Amino acid sequence: MTEIDDMADIADYVQKAHEIAFKHGFWEVDKEPNFAEKIMLIVTELAECVQEDRQDKRVDEEIADVFIRLFDLCGYMFPNIEHEIKKKMKINENRSYKHNRKY
């Protein structure tokens, strides 16, 4: 197992975040995970970012929590997400300004 300080790529973070979350009870061995619940945990972390910002506090720790929750979910459902991220970034690189949308 890769130590946290030695992680080199997204796959390492995905694997480690999922391992830690599993060890701390966020996944149950004999129960199918609730996808909506996992997504809402990510949304909750984003909401906490907004609350911190509203109070003129730093949001970097909350942003880190968002990544950790995403990495955890990917560890269970999308272990090869790094490949998909690279593929999508290549697509986005060649898309039009704001993808031809207002925002």
Protein backbone atom coordinates (compact mmCIF):
# COMPACT_ATOMS: atom_id res chain seq x y z
CA MET A 1 0.00 0.00 0.00
CA THR A 2 1.23 3.45 -0.92
CA GLU A 3 1.82 5.79 2.00
CA ILE A 4 -0.03 9.08 1.76
CA ASP A 5 3.13 11.18 1.40
CA ASP A 6 4.37 8.92 -1.41
CA MET A 7 1.29 8.99 -3.63
CA ALA A 8 2.16 9.92 -7.19
CA ASP A 9 -1.01 9.85 -9.27
CA ILE A 10 -4.77 9.96 -9.10
CA ALA A 11 -5.03 6.17 -8.97
CA ASP A 12 -3.04 6.20 -5.72
CA TYR A 13 -5.36 8.80 -4.18
CA VAL A 14 -8.45 6.90 -5.33
CA GLN A 15 -7.22 3.65 -3.86
CA LYS A 16 -6.04 5.17 -0.56
CA ALA A 17 -9.13 7.35 0.00
CA HIS A 18 -11.40 4.35 -0.56
CA GLU A 19 -9.27 2.18 1.73
CA ILE A 20 -9.46 4.74 4.54
CA ALA A 21 -13.21 5.32 4.10
CA PHE A 22 -13.89 1.59 4.07
CA LYS A 23 -11.82 1.10 7.20
CA HIS A 24 -13.76 3.86 8.95
CA GLY A 25 -17.22 2.47 8.20
CA PHE A 26 -18.36 4.50 5.21
CA TRP A 27 -18.90 1.26 3.22
CA GLU A 28 -20.60 -1.90 4.40
CA VAL A 29 -19.40 -5.27 3.09
CA ASP A 30 -22.83 -6.88 2.87
CA LYS A 31 -24.81 -3.85 1.68
CA GLU A 32 -25.04 -2.38 -1.81
CA PRO A 33 -24.02 1.29 -1.60
CA ASN A 34 -26.57 4.02 -2.20
CA PHE A 35 -25.16 6.05 -5.11
CA ALA A 36 -27.32 9.10 -4.35
CA GLU A 37 -26.13 9.08 -0.74
CA LYS A 38 -22.49 8.99 -1.83
CA ILE A 39 -23.06 11.86 -4.26
CA MET A 40 -24.85 13.89 -1.58
CA LEU A 41 -21.86 13.48 0.74
CA ILE A 42 -19.83 15.21 -1.98
CA VAL A 43 -22.47 17.91 -2.38
CA THR A 44 -22.43 18.43 1.38
CA GLU A 45 -18.69 19.08 1.28
CA LEU A 46 -19.28 21.64 -1.48
CA ALA A 47 -21.94 23.32 0.66
CA GLU A 48 -19.46 23.46 3.52
CA CYS A 49 -17.09 25.31 1.15
CA VAL A 50 -19.74 27.92 0.54
CA GLN A 51 -20.38 28.32 4.27
CA GLU A 52 -16.68 28.79 4.96
CA ASP A 53 -16.41 31.34 2.16
CA ARG A 54 -19.45 33.22 3.46
CA GLN A 55 -17.61 33.63 6.75
CA ASP A 56 -14.41 34.77 5.00
CA LYS A 57 -12.65 31.57 6.03
CA ARG A 58 -10.29 29.47 3.96
CA VAL A 59 -11.98 26.78 1.92
CA ASP A 60 -8.97 24.66 1.02
CA GLU A 61 -9.69 22.03 3.67
CA GLU A 62 -13.28 21.70 2.47
CA ILE A 63 -12.13 21.47 -1.15
CA ALA A 64 -9.77 18.69 -0.04
CA ASP A 65 -12.77 16.92 1.52
CA VAL A 66 -14.58 17.13 -1.83
CA PHE A 67 -11.66 15.42 -3.56
CA ILE A 68 -11.42 12.80 -0.83
CA ARG A 69 -15.12 11.94 -1.13
CA LEU A 70 -14.81 11.80 -4.93
CA PHE A 71 -11.70 9.63 -4.73
CA ASP A 72 -13.49 7.33 -2.29
CA LEU A 73 -16.49 6.93 -4.61
CA CYS A 74 -14.18 6.31 -7.55
CA GLY A 75 -12.34 3.68 -5.54
CA TYR A 76 -15.54 1.67 -5.42
CA MET A 77 -17.20 2.51 -8.74
CA PHE A 78 -14.59 3.96 -11.10
CA PRO A 79 -11.10 2.72 -10.18
CA ASN A 80 -9.75 3.76 -13.60
CA ILE A 81 -11.07 7.32 -13.39
CA GLU A 82 -7.66 8.79 -14.23
CA HIS A 83 -8.00 7.47 -17.78
CA GLU A 84 -11.47 9.00 -18.09
CA ILE A 85 -10.26 12.35 -16.74
CA LYS A 86 -7.46 12.51 -19.30
CA LYS A 87 -9.82 11.52 -22.11
CA LYS A 88 -12.38 14.16 -21.11
CA MET A 89 -9.74 16.88 -20.69
CA LYS A 90 -8.56 16.22 -24.25
CA ILE A 91 -12.15 16.64 -25.45
CA ASN A 92 -12.60 19.84 -23.43
CA GLU A 93 -9.35 21.28 -24.72
CA ASN A 94 -10.85 21.48 -28.21
CA ARG A 95 -14.35 22.62 -27.31
CA SER A 96 -15.65 26.08 -28.03
CA TYR A 97 -15.63 28.98 -25.58
CA LYS A 98 -17.96 28.08 -22.68
CA HIS A 99 -19.05 25.20 -24.89
CA ASN A 100 -21.31 27.69 -26.71
CA ARG A 101 -23.36 28.33 -23.60
CA LYS A 102 -24.09 31.43 -21.55
CA TYR A 103 -22.35 30.02 -18.45
